[in-house]
Amino acid sequence: LLAAPAVAFVAPAAPRAGTAVAAVQDMEGITMPIGLFDPLGFSNGASAEALQWYREAELKHGRVAMAGFVGYCLHANGVQFPIHIPGDYSTKSPAELWDQVPEAGKWQIVLFVGFLEFFSESGAGGAHYTKGGKPGAFPSFNSPEAGDQFKIPHPVPLDLWDPVGFTKNASPEKKERGRLIEINNGRLAMLGLFGFLAESKLPGSVPALGGIALPYDGDYMAPFAADFHIF
């Protein structure tokens, strides 16, 4: 996961027109010897638009999981950023760490992520990924593909995707390999992160992580508080 190159964050091309089965077989990420892994049959009869939506969801969840997995490992070993939201972060448990973030800090994180999601779906990147656009492609803040009307008014020094331009001059073959690396690393990270969460709540549920995942007696499904409500 840590070795995934920046070129892995290049979005895959849209599948060719045809039946849903043909579109699935054309999508990147079908890795041998497993081949197409769809035990619940989500792709059966799915339209090309639905398949692109599934790929966008997989890429987003995979990217978040990669960041979460690495973050879990770093914090569990006492590594912290020198600058962070004020609060008591003395615990080494990544799950307890979230509980110690002040509520105002949690809202900052949630609203920032919400803004990123809104911007990615705003049309700033051109065609939507279900309408011929590229799943996983995040629009530029400074020079959005759809035009300056989507440009962020406040100066932003770096874009979220490929901020230093690693993929600018990459060959098509290198980009293709990077996309496959990202998809597979994201899948592995989702399994790894959920392994940590499961073992922290149910000791012994993931034997390979016994003694590694730190126990947690809180509630993963109540990120603010068990009695959290909006109204």
Protein backbone atom coordinates (compact mmCIF):
# COMPACT_ATOMS: atom_id res chain seq x y z
CA LEU A 1 0.00 0.00 0.00
CA LEU A 2 2.75 2.43 0.94
CA ALA A 3 4.57 1.74 -2.30
CA ALA A 4 1.68 2.64 -4.61
CA PRO A 5 2.93 5.30 -7.00
CA ALA A 6 1.17 8.58 -7.55
CA VAL A 7 0.24 7.47 -11.05
CA ALA A 8 -2.21 5.09 -9.41
CA PHE A 9 -4.58 8.01 -8.97
CA VAL A 10 -5.32 8.28 -12.68
CA ALA A 11 -8.96 7.51 -13.39
CA PRO A 12 -9.87 4.53 -15.58
CA ALA A 13 -11.33 5.02 -19.03
CA ALA A 14 -15.06 4.53 -19.55
CA PRO A 15 -16.04 1.01 -20.71
CA ARG A 16 -16.86 0.51 -24.37
CA ALA A 17 -20.46 0.44 -25.45
CA GLY A 18 -22.22 -2.91 -25.56
CA THR A 19 -23.91 -5.28 -23.18
CA ALA A 20 -23.39 -4.99 -19.45
CA VAL A 21 -21.38 -8.22 -19.46
CA ALA A 22 -19.07 -6.89 -22.16
CA ALA A 23 -18.69 -3.61 -20.26
CA VAL A 24 -17.74 -5.44 -17.08
CA GLN A 25 -15.14 -7.51 -18.89
CA ASP A 26 -13.66 -4.31 -20.34
CA MET A 27 -13.27 -2.59 -16.97
CA GLU A 28 -9.87 -2.44 -15.35
CA GLY A 29 -9.32 -4.31 -12.13
CA ILE A 30 -10.23 -7.82 -13.25
CA THR A 31 -7.11 -9.47 -11.88
CA MET A 32 -6.09 -13.03 -12.53
CA PRO A 33 -6.27 -15.69 -11.23
CA ILE A 34 -9.48 -14.47 -9.51
CA GLY A 35 -10.93 -12.83 -12.60
CA LEU A 36 -14.28 -11.08 -12.24
CA PHE A 37 -15.22 -11.15 -8.54
CA ASP A 38 -18.91 -10.36 -8.14
CA PRO A 39 -20.39 -13.01 -5.80
CA LEU A 40 -23.57 -10.98 -5.17
CA GLY A 41 -24.19 -10.37 -8.86
CA PHE A 42 -24.29 -6.56 -8.76
CA SER A 43 -23.12 -6.40 -12.37
CA ASN A 44 -25.80 -8.77 -13.67
CA GLY A 45 -27.96 -6.71 -16.01
CA ALA A 46 -26.44 -3.46 -14.78
CA SER A 47 -26.41 -0.57 -17.23
CA ALA A 48 -23.17 1.06 -18.34
CA GLU A 49 -24.06 4.07 -16.16
CA ALA A 50 -24.54 1.85 -13.09
CA LEU A 51 -21.22 0.11 -13.70
CA GLN A 52 -19.47 3.47 -13.83
CA TRP A 53 -21.20 4.47 -10.59
CA TYR A 54 -19.99 1.24 -8.96
CA ARG A 55 -16.43 1.94 -10.14
CA GLU A 56 -16.56 5.50 -8.79
CA ALA A 57 -17.77 4.18 -5.43
CA GLU A 58 -15.04 1.53 -5.37
CA LEU A 59 -12.32 4.07 -6.12
CA LYS A 60 -13.54 6.51 -3.47
CA HIS A 61 -13.88 3.84 -0.80
CA GLY A 62 -10.52 2.37 -1.76
CA ARG A 63 -8.76 5.72 -1.50
CA VAL A 64 -10.32 6.48 1.86
CA ALA A 65 -9.42 2.99 3.08
CA MET A 66 -5.79 3.38 1.97
CA ALA A 67 -5.53 6.65 3.87
CA GLY A 68 -7.33 5.11 6.86
CA PHE A 69 -5.17 1.98 6.90
CA VAL A 70 -1.92 3.95 6.78
CA GLY A 71 -3.26 6.44 9.33
CA TYR A 72 -4.27 3.61 11.67
CA CYS A 73 -0.81 2.06 11.48
CA LEU A 74 0.97 5.38 12.01
CA HIS A 75 -1.08 6.53 14.99
CA ALA A 76 -1.06 3.09 16.64
CA ASN A 77 2.73 3.42 16.62
CA GLY A 78 2.73 6.88 18.15
CA VAL A 79 3.31 8.88 14.96
CA GLN A 80 1.40 12.17 14.88
CA PHE A 81 1.40 15.27 12.73
CA PRO A 82 2.94 18.24 14.58
CA ILE A 83 -0.05 20.44 13.63
CA HIS A 84 -3.59 19.25 14.36
CA ILE A 85 -6.94 20.28 15.78
CA PRO A 86 -6.49 21.18 19.47
CA GLY A 87 -7.36 18.32 21.81
CA ASP A 88 -6.00 15.51 23.97
CA TYR A 89 -4.51 12.90 21.67
CA SER A 90 -2.54 10.91 24.21
CA THR A 91 -4.20 7.59 23.32
CA LYS A 92 -2.57 5.25 20.83
CA SER A 93 -5.91 3.77 19.80
CA PRO A 94 -6.93 5.27 16.43
CA ALA A 95 -10.59 4.69 17.26
CA GLU A 96 -10.31 6.44 20.63
CA LEU A 97 -8.42 9.21 18.88
CA TRP A 98 -11.56 10.18 16.96
CA ASP A 99 -13.57 10.18 20.19
CA GLN A 100 -11.07 12.67 21.66
CA VAL A 101 -11.43 15.16 18.81
CA PRO A 102 -13.62 18.09 19.96
CA GLU A 103 -17.05 18.21 18.33
CA ALA A 104 -16.15 21.44 16.51
CA GLY A 105 -13.14 19.65 15.06
CA LYS A 106 -15.26 16.73 13.90
CA TRP A 107 -17.62 19.11 12.14
CA GLN A 108 -14.67 20.76 10.38
CA ILE A 109 -13.57 17.37 9.05
CA VAL A 110 -17.07 16.30 8.01
CA LEU A 111 -17.81 19.61 6.27
CA PHE A 112 -14.45 19.62 4.47
CA VAL A 113 -15.04 16.11 3.14
CA GLY A 114 -18.57 17.16 2.20
CA PHE A 115 -17.16 20.08 0.21
CA LEU A 116 -14.79 17.77 -1.66
CA GLU A 117 -17.69 15.47 -2.53
CA PHE A 118 -19.82 18.41 -3.66
CA PHE A 119 -17.03 19.82 -5.83
CA SER A 120 -16.30 16.45 -7.43
CA GLU A 121 -19.97 16.07 -8.39
CA SER A 122 -20.48 19.72 -9.42
CA GLY A 123 -19.53 19.27 -13.06
CA ALA A 124 -16.21 21.07 -12.67
CA GLY A 125 -14.42 18.10 -14.19
CA GLY A 126 -16.53 18.08 -17.34
CA ALA A 127 -18.74 15.13 -18.24
CA HIS A 128 -20.11 13.17 -15.27
CA TYR A 129 -18.64 9.70 -14.81
CA THR A 130 -22.02 8.12 -15.60
CA LYS A 131 -22.25 10.17 -18.81
CA GLY A 132 -18.93 9.36 -20.42
CA GLY A 133 -16.60 11.02 -17.91
CA LYS A 134 -13.79 9.32 -16.03
CA PRO A 135 -14.62 7.60 -12.71
CA GLY A 136 -12.22 8.65 -9.99
CA ALA A 137 -11.06 11.84 -11.70
CA PHE A 138 -11.10 14.78 -9.27
CA PRO A 139 -11.45 18.28 -10.82
CA SER A 140 -8.66 20.80 -10.59
CA PHE A 141 -9.28 23.65 -8.15
CA ASN A 142 -7.30 26.15 -10.21
CA SER A 143 -8.06 25.11 -13.80
CA PRO A 144 -11.24 22.96 -13.85
CA GLU A 145 -11.89 21.22 -17.13
CA ALA A 146 -15.43 22.59 -17.34
CA GLY A 147 -14.29 26.21 -17.25
CA ASP A 148 -13.35 29.08 -14.96
CA GLN A 149 -16.91 29.38 -13.63
CA PHE A 150 -16.03 26.38 -11.42
CA LYS A 151 -12.71 27.83 -10.29
CA ILE A 152 -12.28 28.16 -6.52
CA PRO A 153 -12.25 31.91 -5.71
CA HIS A 154 -9.78 31.47 -2.86
CA PRO A 155 -6.21 30.69 -3.99
CA VAL A 156 -5.42 26.99 -3.64
CA PRO A 157 -1.70 26.16 -3.98
CA LEU A 158 -2.15 22.47 -4.84
CA ASP A 159 -4.81 20.32 -6.42
CA LEU A 160 -6.15 17.34 -4.49
CA TRP A 161 -5.33 14.94 -7.31
CA ASP A 162 -1.68 14.66 -8.40
CA PRO A 163 -0.66 17.92 -6.70
CA VAL A 164 2.96 17.85 -7.93
CA GLY A 165 2.30 16.52 -11.44
CA PHE A 166 3.78 13.02 -11.28
CA THR A 167 1.47 11.77 -14.02
CA LYS A 168 1.74 14.76 -16.35
CA ASN A 169 4.20 13.12 -18.73
CA ALA A 170 3.57 9.47 -17.85
CA SER A 171 3.14 7.04 -20.73
CA PRO A 172 -0.24 5.37 -21.34
CA GLU A 173 1.27 2.04 -20.25
CA LYS A 174 2.50 3.52 -16.96
CA LYS A 175 -0.89 5.11 -16.30
CA GLU A 176 -2.67 1.84 -17.02
CA ARG A 177 -0.42 -0.03 -14.60
CA GLY A 178 -0.93 2.71 -12.00
CA ARG A 179 -4.70 2.44 -12.28
CA LEU A 180 -4.57 -1.30 -11.70
CA ILE A 181 -2.28 -0.78 -8.68
CA GLU A 182 -4.70 1.73 -7.19
CA ILE A 183 -7.76 -0.48 -7.64
CA ASN A 184 -6.10 -3.54 -6.12
CA ASN A 185 -4.43 -1.62 -3.29
CA GLY A 186 -7.76 0.02 -2.49
CA ARG A 187 -9.47 -3.36 -2.31
CA LEU A 188 -6.77 -4.72 -0.03
CA ALA A 189 -6.91 -1.62 2.16
CA MET A 190 -10.68 -1.96 2.60
CA LEU A 191 -10.21 -5.52 3.82
CA GLY A 192 -7.26 -4.51 6.03
CA LEU A 193 -9.02 -1.56 7.65
CA PHE A 194 -12.18 -3.52 8.36
CA GLY A 195 -9.96 -6.25 9.76
CA PHE A 196 -8.57 -3.77 12.28
CA LEU A 197 -12.06 -2.55 13.18
CA ALA A 198 -13.46 -6.08 13.58
CA GLU A 199 -10.56 -7.28 15.71
CA SER A 200 -10.72 -4.18 17.92
CA LYS A 201 -14.38 -4.93 18.76
CA LEU A 202 -14.35 -8.74 18.68
CA PRO A 203 -10.98 -10.09 19.80
CA GLY A 204 -10.16 -13.25 17.87
CA SER A 205 -12.38 -12.42 14.90
CA VAL A 206 -9.28 -11.76 12.79
CA PRO A 207 -6.60 -14.08 14.22
CA ALA A 208 -3.83 -12.56 12.11
CA LEU A 209 -4.39 -9.21 13.85
CA GLY A 210 -4.61 -10.59 17.38
CA GLY A 211 -2.40 -8.50 19.65
CA ILE A 212 -1.94 -5.92 16.87
CA ALA A 213 -5.33 -4.22 16.61
CA LEU A 214 -5.93 -2.17 19.75
CA PRO A 215 -9.20 -2.89 21.61
CA TYR A 216 -12.00 -0.31 21.43
CA ASP A 217 -15.10 -0.19 23.61
CA GLY A 218 -16.79 2.71 21.83
CA ASP A 219 -19.33 2.67 19.01
CA TYR A 220 -18.06 2.91 15.44
CA MET A 221 -21.59 3.64 14.25
CA ALA A 222 -21.95 6.71 16.47
CA PRO A 223 -19.16 9.03 15.27
CA PHE A 224 -20.30 12.00 17.35
CA ALA A 225 -22.01 10.40 20.33
CA ALA A 226 -24.43 7.57 20.95
CA ASP A 227 -27.20 10.10 21.50
CA PHE A 228 -26.24 12.32 18.56
CA HIS A 229 -29.12 13.99 16.73
CA ILE A 230 -29.53 16.93 14.38
CA PHE A 231 -32.86 18.20 15.70
